[in-house]
C-alpha atoms as a PDB file:
ATOM      1  CA  MET A   1       0.000   0.000   0.000  1.00  0.00           C
ATOM      2  CA  MET A   2       1.381   3.418  -0.974  1.00  0.00           C
ATOM      3  CA  ARG A   3       1.310   6.204   1.572  1.00  0.00           C
ATOM      4  CA  ALA A   4       2.627   9.767   1.861  1.00  0.00           C
ATOM      5  CA  THR A   5       2.358  12.713   4.222  1.00  0.00           C
ATOM      6  CA  ALA A   6       2.675  16.369   3.265  1.00  0.00           C
ATOM      7  CA  PHE A   7       2.644  19.639   5.173  1.00  0.00           C
ATOM      8  CA  CYS A   8       1.404  22.962   3.848  1.00  0.00           C
ATOM      9  CA  PRO A   9       1.755  26.255   5.742  1.00  0.00           C
ATOM     10  CA  GLY A  10      -1.241  28.433   6.400  1.00  0.00           C
ATOM     11  CA  HIS A  11      -1.586  31.892   4.904  1.00  0.00           C
ATOM     12  CA  VAL A  12      -3.114  35.199   5.981  1.00  0.00           C
ATOM     13  CA  SER A  13      -4.257  37.695   3.365  1.00  0.00           C
ATOM     14  CA  CYS A  14      -3.817  41.181   4.820  1.00  0.00           C
ATOM     15  CA  VAL A  15      -5.244  42.940   1.744  1.00  0.00           C
ATOM     16  CA  PHE A  16      -6.702  41.414  -1.418  1.00  0.00           C
ATOM     17  CA  GLN A  17      -8.189  42.424  -4.751  1.00  0.00           C
ATOM     18  CA  PRO A  18     -10.063  39.551  -6.461  1.00  0.00           C
ATOM     19  CA  ARG A  19      -9.730  39.062 -10.200  1.00  0.00           C
ATOM     20  CA  ARG A  20     -11.588  36.476 -12.347  1.00  0.00           C
ATOM     21  CA  TYR A  21     -10.879  35.602 -15.966  1.00  0.00           C
ATOM     22  CA  ASP A  22     -11.918  32.781 -18.294  1.00  0.00           C
ATOM     23  CA  ASP A  23      -8.637  31.004 -17.592  1.00  0.00           C
ATOM     24  CA  PRO A  24      -8.608  29.884 -13.908  1.00  0.00           C
ATOM     25  CA  LEU A  25      -4.795  29.855 -13.858  1.00  0.00           C
ATOM     26  CA  ARG A  26      -4.879  33.596 -14.623  1.00  0.00           C
ATOM     27  CA  SER A  27      -7.576  34.185 -11.998  1.00  0.00           C
ATOM     28  CA  GLY A  28      -7.095  34.758  -8.291  1.00  0.00           C
ATOM     29  CA  SER A  29      -6.205  37.962  -6.521  1.00  0.00           C
ATOM     30  CA  ARG A  30      -3.617  40.634  -6.087  1.00  0.00           C
ATOM     31  CA  GLY A  31      -2.760  41.016  -2.446  1.00  0.00           C
ATOM     32  CA  ILE A  32      -0.413  41.168   0.526  1.00  0.00           C
ATOM     33  CA  GLY A  33       0.012  37.995   2.560  1.00  0.00           C
ATOM     34  CA  LEU A  34       1.887  36.165   5.295  1.00  0.00           C
ATOM     35  CA  CYS A  35       2.892  32.506   5.053  1.00  0.00           C
ATOM     36  CA  LEU A  36       2.472  30.967   8.518  1.00  0.00           C
ATOM     37  CA  GLY A  37       4.617  28.524  10.437  1.00  0.00           C
ATOM     38  CA  LEU A  38       1.424  26.677  11.375  1.00  0.00           C
ATOM     39  CA  GLY A  39      -0.631  24.899   8.736  1.00  0.00           C
ATOM     40  CA  ALA A  40      -2.150  21.568   7.754  1.00  0.00           C
ATOM     41  CA  TYR A  41      -0.848  18.006   7.448  1.00  0.00           C
ATOM     42  CA  ALA A  42      -2.353  15.448   5.112  1.00  0.00           C
ATOM     43  CA  ASP A  43      -1.789  11.695   5.428  1.00  0.00           C
ATOM     44  CA  VAL A  44      -2.800   9.948   2.194  1.00  0.00           C
ATOM     45  CA  GLU A  45      -2.889   6.239   1.447  1.00  0.00           C
ATOM     46  CA  ASP A  46      -4.422   4.001  -1.186  1.00  0.00           C
ATOM     47  CA  GLY A  47      -8.059   3.080  -0.526  1.00  0.00           C
ATOM     48  CA  ASP A  48     -11.199   1.723  -2.160  1.00  0.00           C
ATOM     49  CA  ASP A  49     -12.794   5.126  -2.724  1.00  0.00           C
ATOM     50  CA  LEU A  50     -12.222   8.786  -1.900  1.00  0.00           C
ATOM     51  CA  GLU A  51     -12.647   9.298   1.848  1.00  0.00           C
ATOM     52  CA  ILE A  52     -11.625  12.503   3.625  1.00  0.00           C
ATOM     53  CA  THR A  53     -11.472  13.197   7.343  1.00  0.00           C
ATOM     54  CA  VAL A  54     -10.636  16.627   8.733  1.00  0.00           C
ATOM     55  CA  ASN A  55      -9.462  16.780  12.335  1.00  0.00           C
ATOM     56  CA  GLY A  56     -10.727  13.248  12.904  1.00  0.00           C
ATOM     57  CA  VAL A  57     -14.223  13.758  11.443  1.00  0.00           C
ATOM     58  CA  LEU A  58     -15.528  12.570   8.072  1.00  0.00           C
ATOM     59  CA  ASP A  59     -15.985  15.675   5.942  1.00  0.00           C
ATOM     60  CA  ASP A  60     -17.344  16.549   2.496  1.00  0.00           C
ATOM     61  CA  ALA A  61     -14.314  18.864   2.163  1.00  0.00           C
ATOM     62  CA  ASP A  62     -15.606  20.130  -1.182  1.00  0.00           C
ATOM     63  CA  VAL A  63     -12.442  21.994  -2.181  1.00  0.00           C
ATOM     64  CA  THR A  64     -10.120  19.103  -1.349  1.00  0.00           C
ATOM     65  CA  ARG A  65     -12.435  16.558  -2.955  1.00  0.00           C
ATOM     66  CA  ALA A  66     -12.680  18.547  -6.204  1.00  0.00           C
ATOM     67  CA  ALA A  67      -8.910  18.983  -6.371  1.00  0.00           C
ATOM     68  CA  LEU A  68      -8.199  15.299  -5.758  1.00  0.00           C
ATOM     69  CA  ARG A  69     -10.757  14.216  -8.351  1.00  0.00           C
ATOM     70  CA  SER A  70      -9.100  16.473 -10.911  1.00  0.00           C
ATOM     71  CA  LEU A  71      -5.922  14.490 -10.228  1.00  0.00           C
ATOM     72  CA  GLY A  72      -7.792  11.225 -10.771  1.00  0.00           C
ATOM     73  CA  ALA A  73      -7.432  10.334  -7.079  1.00  0.00           C
ATOM     74  CA  ASP A  74     -10.816   8.669  -6.503  1.00  0.00           C
ATOM     75  CA  ASP A  75      -9.280   5.791  -4.560  1.00  0.00           C
ATOM     76  CA  VAL A  76      -7.415   7.321  -1.609  1.00  0.00           C
ATOM     77  CA  ALA A  77      -8.063   7.802   2.093  1.00  0.00           C
ATOM     78  CA  VAL A  78      -7.082  11.299   3.240  1.00  0.00           C
ATOM     79  CA  ARG A  79      -6.625  12.385   6.841  1.00  0.00           C
ATOM     80  CA  ILE A  80      -6.147  16.135   7.241  1.00  0.00           C
ATOM     81  CA  GLN A  81      -5.096  17.718  10.522  1.00  0.00           C
ATOM     82  CA  THR A  82      -5.181  21.508  10.796  1.00  0.00           C
ATOM     83  CA  GLU A  83      -3.158  23.447  13.338  1.00  0.00           C
ATOM     84  CA  LEU A  84      -5.443  26.492  13.135  1.00  0.00           C
ATOM     85  CA  PRO A  85      -9.238  26.945  12.951  1.00  0.00           C
ATOM     86  CA  ILE A  86     -11.037  26.629   9.622  1.00  0.00           C
ATOM     87  CA  SER A  87     -12.893  29.569   7.976  1.00  0.00           C
ATOM     88  CA  GLN A  88     -11.065  32.142  10.095  1.00  0.00           C
ATOM     89  CA  GLY A  89      -8.723  33.648   7.523  1.00  0.00           C
ATOM     90  CA  PHE A  90      -5.799  31.251   8.050  1.00  0.00           C
ATOM     91  CA  ALA A  91      -6.250  29.423   4.692  1.00  0.00           C
ATOM     92  CA  MET A  92      -6.700  26.037   6.333  1.00  0.00           C
ATOM     93  CA  SER A  93      -8.906  24.839   3.464  1.00  0.00           C
ATOM     94  CA  ALA A  94      -6.230  25.771   0.952  1.00  0.00           C
ATOM     95  CA  ALA A  95      -3.455  24.327   3.123  1.00  0.00           C
ATOM     96  CA  GLY A  96      -5.254  21.012   3.615  1.00  0.00           C
ATOM     97  CA  THR A  97      -6.013  20.797  -0.094  1.00  0.00           C
ATOM     98  CA  VAL A  98      -2.457  21.603  -1.173  1.00  0.00           C
ATOM     99  CA  ALA A  99      -1.039  19.089   1.324  1.00  0.00           C
ATOM    100  CA  ALA A 100      -3.412  16.338   0.159  1.00  0.00           C
ATOM    101  CA  CYS A 101      -2.708  17.013  -3.526  1.00  0.00           C
ATOM    102  CA  LEU A 102       1.044  17.157  -2.949  1.00  0.00           C
ATOM    103  CA  ALA A 103       0.957  13.802  -1.126  1.00  0.00           C
ATOM    104  CA  VAL A 104      -1.011  12.241  -4.002  1.00  0.00           C
ATOM    105  CA  ALA A 105       1.396  13.702  -6.560  1.00  0.00           C
ATOM    106  CA  HIS A 106       4.321  12.253  -4.604  1.00  0.00           C
ATOM    107  CA  MET A 107       2.683   8.812  -4.462  1.00  0.00           C
ATOM    108  CA  ARG A 108       1.915   8.775  -8.194  1.00  0.00           C
ATOM    109  CA  GLY A 109       5.017  10.386  -9.591  1.00  0.00           C
ATOM    110  CA  LEU A 110       3.264  13.561 -10.735  1.00  0.00           C
ATOM    111  CA  PRO A 111       4.991  16.967 -10.856  1.00  0.00           C
ATOM    112  CA  SER A 112       4.300  19.106  -7.778  1.00  0.00           C
ATOM    113  CA  ASP A 113       3.069  21.897 -10.071  1.00  0.00           C
ATOM    114  CA  THR A 114       0.164  19.621 -11.017  1.00  0.00           C
ATOM    115  CA  ALA A 115      -0.867  19.434  -7.364  1.00  0.00           C
ATOM    116  CA  PHE A 116      -0.675  23.201  -6.904  1.00  0.00           C
ATOM    117  CA  ARG A 117      -2.730  23.907 -10.029  1.00  0.00           C
ATOM    118  CA  ALA A 118      -5.392  21.422  -8.921  1.00  0.00           C
ATOM    119  CA  ALA A 119      -5.662  23.094  -5.507  1.00  0.00           C
ATOM    120  CA  HIS A 120      -5.814  26.609  -6.988  1.00  0.00           C
ATOM    121  CA  VAL A 121      -8.552  25.762  -9.492  1.00  0.00           C
ATOM    122  CA  ALA A 122     -10.611  23.894  -6.872  1.00  0.00           C
ATOM    123  CA  GLU A 123     -10.399  26.882  -4.514  1.00  0.00           C
ATOM    124  CA  LEU A 124     -11.775  29.141  -7.247  1.00  0.00           C
ATOM    125  CA  ASP A 125     -14.487  26.716  -8.373  1.00  0.00           C
ATOM    126  CA  GLU A 126     -15.707  25.851  -4.880  1.00  0.00           C
ATOM    127  CA  GLY A 127     -15.733  29.366  -3.424  1.00  0.00           C
ATOM    128  CA  GLY A 128     -12.612  29.161  -1.280  1.00  0.00           C
ATOM    129  CA  GLY A 129      -9.752  31.658  -1.176  1.00  0.00           C
ATOM    130  CA  MET A 130      -8.707  33.343  -4.405  1.00  0.00           C
ATOM    131  CA  GLY A 131      -5.021  33.966  -3.791  1.00  0.00           C
ATOM    132  CA  ASP A 132      -3.976  31.703  -0.950  1.00  0.00           C
ATOM    133  CA  VAL A 133      -2.317  29.018  -3.073  1.00  0.00           C
ATOM    134  CA  ALA A 134      -0.167  31.598  -4.887  1.00  0.00           C
ATOM    135  CA  GLY A 135       0.808  33.190  -1.572  1.00  0.00           C
ATOM    136  CA  ILE A 136       1.597  29.822  -0.020  1.00  0.00           C
ATOM    137  CA  LEU A 137       3.872  28.881  -2.913  1.00  0.00           C
ATOM    138  CA  ALA A 138       5.776  32.173  -2.631  1.00  0.00           C
ATOM    139  CA  GLY A 139       6.395  31.717   1.094  1.00  0.00           C
ATOM    140  CA  GLY A 140       7.378  34.389   3.586  1.00  0.00           C
ATOM    141  CA  VAL A 141       5.754  37.827   3.456  1.00  0.00           C
ATOM    142  CA  SER A 142       4.718  38.461  -0.125  1.00  0.00           C
ATOM    143  CA  VAL A 143       2.892  40.768  -2.506  1.00  0.00           C
ATOM    144  CA  ARG A 144       0.826  39.188  -5.259  1.00  0.00           C
ATOM    145  CA  THR A 145       1.257  41.856  -7.912  1.00  0.00           C
ATOM    146  CA  SER A 146      -0.644  39.895 -10.582  1.00  0.00           C
ATOM    147  CA  PRO A 147      -3.360  37.276  -9.979  1.00  0.00           C
ATOM    148  CA  GLY A 148      -3.074  33.594 -10.787  1.00  0.00           C
ATOM    149  CA  LEU A 149      -0.361  30.948 -10.659  1.00  0.00           C
ATOM    150  CA  PRO A 150       2.976  31.060 -12.502  1.00  0.00           C
ATOM    151  CA  PRO A 151       3.680  31.714 -15.279  1.00  0.00           C
ATOM    152  CA  HIS A 152       0.680  34.056 -15.282  1.00  0.00           C
ATOM    153  CA  GLY A 153       0.663  35.294 -11.692  1.00  0.00           C
ATOM    154  CA  ALA A 154       3.493  37.342 -10.226  1.00  0.00           C
ATOM    155  CA  VAL A 155       4.457  37.290  -6.552  1.00  0.00           C
ATOM    156  CA  GLU A 156       7.246  39.257  -4.876  1.00  0.00           C
ATOM    157  CA  ARG A 157       8.641  37.906  -1.589  1.00  0.00           C
ATOM    158  CA  LEU A 158       9.839  40.558   0.841  1.00  0.00           C
ATOM    159  CA  SER A 159      12.708  40.455   3.348  1.00  0.00           C
ATOM    160  CA  LEU A 160      10.413  40.627   6.380  1.00  0.00           C
ATOM    161  CA  HIS A 161      10.621  38.202   9.288  1.00  0.00           C
ATOM    162  CA  GLY A 162       9.401  37.875  12.865  1.00  0.00           C
ATOM    163  CA  ASP A 163       7.026  36.080  15.186  1.00  0.00           C
ATOM    164  CA  LEU A 164       3.266  36.500  15.040  1.00  0.00           C
ATOM    165  CA  LEU A 165       0.387  35.973  17.409  1.00  0.00           C
ATOM    166  CA  LEU A 166      -2.915  34.842  15.881  1.00  0.00           C
ATOM    167  CA  ALA A 167      -6.267  35.054  17.633  1.00  0.00           C
ATOM    168  CA  VAL A 168      -9.896  34.145  16.892  1.00  0.00           C
ATOM    169  CA  LEU A 169     -12.446  36.642  18.206  1.00  0.00           C
ATOM    170  CA  GLY A 170     -15.770  35.608  16.655  1.00  0.00           C
ATOM    171  CA  PRO A 171     -17.639  33.137  14.425  1.00  0.00           C
ATOM    172  CA  PRO A 172     -16.269  31.965  11.045  1.00  0.00           C
ATOM    173  CA  ILE A 173     -16.769  34.042   7.892  1.00  0.00           C
ATOM    174  CA  MET A 174     -17.623  32.321   4.613  1.00  0.00           C
ATOM    175  CA  THR A 175     -15.518  33.826   1.819  1.00  0.00           C
ATOM    176  CA  ALA A 176     -17.972  32.807  -0.917  1.00  0.00           C
ATOM    177  CA  LYS A 177     -20.838  34.595   0.852  1.00  0.00           C
ATOM    178  CA  VAL A 178     -18.874  37.835   1.127  1.00  0.00           C
ATOM    179  CA  LEU A 179     -17.715  37.802  -2.497  1.00  0.00           C
ATOM    180  CA  SER A 180     -21.200  36.969  -3.811  1.00  0.00           C
ATOM    181  CA  ASP A 181     -22.383  40.411  -2.661  1.00  0.00           C
ATOM    182  CA  ASP A 182     -21.846  42.638  -5.721  1.00  0.00           C
ATOM    183  CA  ILE A 183     -21.595  45.880  -3.727  1.00  0.00           C
ATOM    184  CA  MET A 184     -19.111  44.404  -1.264  1.00  0.00           C
ATOM    185  CA  ARG A 185     -17.043  42.830  -4.039  1.00  0.00           C
ATOM    186  CA  ARG A 186     -16.742  46.128  -5.901  1.00  0.00           C
ATOM    187  CA  ARG A 187     -15.766  47.898  -2.676  1.00  0.00           C
ATOM    188  CA  ILE A 188     -13.125  45.235  -1.982  1.00  0.00           C
ATOM    189  CA  GLU A 189     -11.751  45.479  -5.534  1.00  0.00           C
ATOM    190  CA  HIS A 190     -11.465  49.280  -5.387  1.00  0.00           C
ATOM    191  CA  THR A 191     -10.066  49.583  -1.854  1.00  0.00           C
ATOM    192  CA  GLY A 192      -7.814  46.557  -2.273  1.00  0.00           C
ATOM    193  CA  GLY A 193      -6.207  48.030  -5.376  1.00  0.00           C
ATOM    194  CA  GLU A 194      -5.520  51.349  -3.641  1.00  0.00           C
ATOM    195  CA  CYS A 195      -4.049  49.672  -0.546  1.00  0.00           C
ATOM    196  CA  ILE A 196      -1.769  47.350  -2.536  1.00  0.00           C
ATOM    197  CA  ASP A 197      -0.469  50.237  -4.670  1.00  0.00           C
ATOM    198  CA  ALA A 198       0.182  52.330  -1.540  1.00  0.00           C
ATOM    199  CA  PHE A 199       2.034  49.446   0.105  1.00  0.00           C
ATOM    200  CA  LEU A 200       4.245  48.920  -2.947  1.00  0.00           C
ATOM    201  CA  GLU A 201       5.392  52.541  -2.681  1.00  0.00           C
ATOM    202  CA  GLU A 202       6.730  51.893   0.838  1.00  0.00           C
ATOM    203  CA  PRO A 203       6.892  48.152   1.617  1.00  0.00           C
ATOM    204  CA  GLY A 204       7.604  47.174   5.217  1.00  0.00           C
ATOM    205  CA  TRP A 205       5.910  46.056   8.426  1.00  0.00           C
ATOM    206  CA  SER A 206       4.588  49.510   9.314  1.00  0.00           C
ATOM    207  CA  SER A 207       3.022  50.021   5.889  1.00  0.00           C
ATOM    208  CA  LEU A 208       1.655  46.469   5.900  1.00  0.00           C
ATOM    209  CA  PHE A 209      -0.327  47.076   9.085  1.00  0.00           C
ATOM    210  CA  THR A 210      -1.390  50.566   7.970  1.00  0.00           C
ATOM    211  CA  GLN A 211      -2.801  49.343   4.661  1.00  0.00           C
ATOM    212  CA  SER A 212      -4.314  46.196   6.175  1.00  0.00           C
ATOM    213  CA  GLN A 213      -6.180  48.221   8.801  1.00  0.00           C
ATOM    214  CA  ARG A 214      -7.289  50.713   6.153  1.00  0.00           C
ATOM    215  CA  PHE A 215      -8.566  47.880   3.954  1.00  0.00           C
ATOM    216  CA  SER A 216     -10.605  46.223   6.713  1.00  0.00           C
ATOM    217  CA  ARG A 217     -12.182  49.513   7.792  1.00  0.00           C
ATOM    218  CA  GLU A 218     -12.913  51.087   4.386  1.00  0.00           C
ATOM    219  CA  THR A 219     -14.459  47.894   3.021  1.00  0.00           C
ATOM    220  CA  GLY A 220     -16.698  47.520   6.072  1.00  0.00           C
ATOM    221  CA  LEU A 221     -15.359  44.031   6.774  1.00  0.00           C
ATOM    222  CA  LEU A 222     -14.096  44.941  10.236  1.00  0.00           C
ATOM    223  CA  ASP A 223     -16.350  43.612  13.010  1.00  0.00           C
ATOM    224  CA  SER A 224     -16.853  45.779  16.114  1.00  0.00           C
ATOM    225  CA  ALA A 225     -15.432  43.089  18.400  1.00  0.00           C
ATOM    226  CA  VAL A 226     -12.326  42.824  16.250  1.00  0.00           C
ATOM    227  CA  GLU A 227     -12.012  46.621  16.175  1.00  0.00           C
ATOM    228  CA  LYS A 228     -12.168  46.735  19.972  1.00  0.00           C
ATOM    229  CA  SER A 229      -9.384  44.175  20.248  1.00  0.00           C
ATOM    230  CA  LEU A 230      -7.211  46.091  17.782  1.00  0.00           C
ATOM    231  CA  GLN A 231      -7.569  49.188  19.948  1.00  0.00           C
ATOM    232  CA  SER A 232      -6.732  47.217  23.103  1.00  0.00           C
ATOM    233  CA  LEU A 233      -3.540  45.918  21.491  1.00  0.00           C
ATOM    234  CA  GLU A 234      -2.241  49.317  20.337  1.00  0.00           C
ATOM    235  CA  PRO A 235       0.019  49.853  23.392  1.00  0.00           C
ATOM    236  CA  HIS A 236       1.718  46.498  22.777  1.00  0.00           C
ATOM    237  CA  GLY A 237       2.353  46.391  19.027  1.00  0.00           C
ATOM    238  CA  LYS A 238       0.554  46.283  15.687  1.00  0.00           C
ATOM    239  CA  ALA A 239      -2.464  44.142  14.768  1.00  0.00           C
ATOM    240  CA  SER A 240      -4.970  43.803  11.957  1.00  0.00           C
ATOM    241  CA  MET A 241      -7.811  41.595  10.722  1.00  0.00           C
ATOM    242  CA  CYS A 242      -7.192  38.348   8.835  1.00  0.00           C
ATOM    243  CA  MET A 243      -9.001  38.112   5.487  1.00  0.00           C
ATOM    244  CA  LEU A 244     -11.522  36.656   5.780  1.00  0.00           C
ATOM    245  CA  GLY A 245     -12.184  35.787   9.403  1.00  0.00           C
ATOM    246  CA  ASN A 246     -13.180  37.195  12.759  1.00  0.00           C
ATOM    247  CA  SER A 247      -9.533  36.871  13.634  1.00  0.00           C
ATOM    248  CA  ILE A 248      -6.396  38.972  13.884  1.00  0.00           C
ATOM    249  CA  PHE A 249      -2.651  38.767  13.416  1.00  0.00           C
ATOM    250  CA  PHE A 250      -0.354  40.665  15.770  1.00  0.00           C
ATOM    251  CA  ARG A 251       3.320  41.593  15.873  1.00  0.00           C
ATOM    252  CA  GLY A 252       4.860  43.045  19.008  1.00  0.00           C
ATOM    253  CA  ASP A 253       4.912  42.114  22.703  1.00  0.00           C
ATOM    254  CA  ILE A 254       3.334  38.666  22.436  1.00  0.00           C
ATOM    255  CA  ALA A 255       3.161  38.067  26.198  1.00  0.00           C
ATOM    256  CA  ALA A 256       1.249  41.324  26.693  1.00  0.00           C
ATOM    257  CA  ALA A 257      -1.041  40.525  23.766  1.00  0.00           C
ATOM    258  CA  ARG A 258      -1.856  37.121  25.287  1.00  0.00           C
ATOM    259  CA  SER A 259      -2.998  38.813  28.481  1.00  0.00           C
ATOM    260  CA  VAL A 260      -5.369  40.997  26.446  1.00  0.00           C
ATOM    261  CA  LEU A 261      -6.777  38.327  24.128  1.00  0.00           C
ATOM    262  CA  GLY A 262      -7.251  35.259  26.337  1.00  0.00           C
ATOM    263  CA  ASP A 263      -7.039  31.611  25.378  1.00  0.00           C
ATOM    264  CA  ASP A 264      -7.889  31.318  21.638  1.00  0.00           C
ATOM    265  CA  VAL A 265      -4.429  32.374  20.502  1.00  0.00           C
ATOM    266  CA  TRP A 266      -1.526  30.781  18.625  1.00  0.00           C
ATOM    267  CA  THR A 267       2.046  31.884  18.050  1.00  0.00           C
ATOM    268  CA  CYS A 268       4.155  31.093  14.999  1.00  0.00           C
ATOM    269  CA  GLY A 269       6.895  32.373  12.795  1.00  0.00           C
ATOM    270  CA  ILE A 270       6.892  33.164   9.072  1.00  0.00           C
ATOM    271  CA  ASP A 271       7.274  30.050   6.912  1.00  0.00           C
ATOM    272  CA  LEU A 272       9.897  30.278   4.161  1.00  0.00           C
ATOM    273  CA  MET A 273       9.925  26.651   2.968  1.00  0.00           C
ATOM    274  CA  GLY A 274       6.466  26.239   1.458  1.00  0.00           C
ATOM    275  CA  PRO A 275       4.541  22.960   0.969  1.00  0.00           C
ATOM    276  CA  ARG A 276       6.625  19.826   1.417  1.00  0.00           C
ATOM    277  CA  ILE A 277       6.584  16.087   1.787  1.00  0.00           C
ATOM    278  CA  THR A 278       7.408  15.192   5.371  1.00  0.00           C
ATOM    279  CA  ASP A 279       8.098  12.149   7.510  1.00  0.00           C
ATOM    280  CA  ARG A 280       5.022  10.647   9.158  1.00  0.00           C
ATOM    281  CA  THR A 281       6.663  10.948  12.576  1.00  0.00           C
ATOM    282  CA  THR A 282       6.351  14.739  12.308  1.00  0.00           C
ATOM    283  CA  HIS A 283       2.589  14.569  11.738  1.00  0.00           C
ATOM    284  CA  ARG A 284       0.968  16.074  14.797  1.00  0.00           C
ATOM    285  CA  GLN A 285      -2.370  14.457  15.691  1.00  0.00           C
END
């Protein structure tokens, strides 16, 4: 029986500007993002049919299922374990899908690019994130200057490093629901474009938080509870809203931030390695 395990880092979009074209590999989003040291593991082994569990529970996992079927993987058992909550702006759906597809590609001798394309297209088709796969592949702190995957998309990785604190402050947000609102989508496209252009004029941590906060406020995506937490954290560092989730990312005095935010917090660094095949002994259950 063939078996493989892969890890894929999570990803936070700080600002995004969705773009759709007839060619899904040209579609996605421009944006600013952070590749996280926490992510998702996928154990994959041969099976009788396609069965997916997420965090120990059988799951439809529509994005992952669509991506695997596009690879012809209708006969594998997939066990995905996420290190961060789902539907809170940490790209756990994308990370789990990329990890599962990469493990299948490894088992079947397929190029890794095939796995990444399958995950990207499934995310678009099933209403998941629009730029997470491109950001994940770039690694680090990056700017997606053109939407889509290479060779169409363009992503610039920046020389920014440091530890982050992540926190969940409210219920999940469904990306597809937000982007199906025509007024909200147009507002996101306009504000996102302005914020990305402003960031590119002066890239750095300070500008990243300034433009991310501007984006969340001017689009109307910022929840009052999240806004209150951002204000409470101001004496200790910089924070902003994760897109799209009732969640935040913070850089500064992490111990002080923990005392403000409570228990639903995680700390991690910036991942520079990207998706990879890993030894099963490193798979955290």
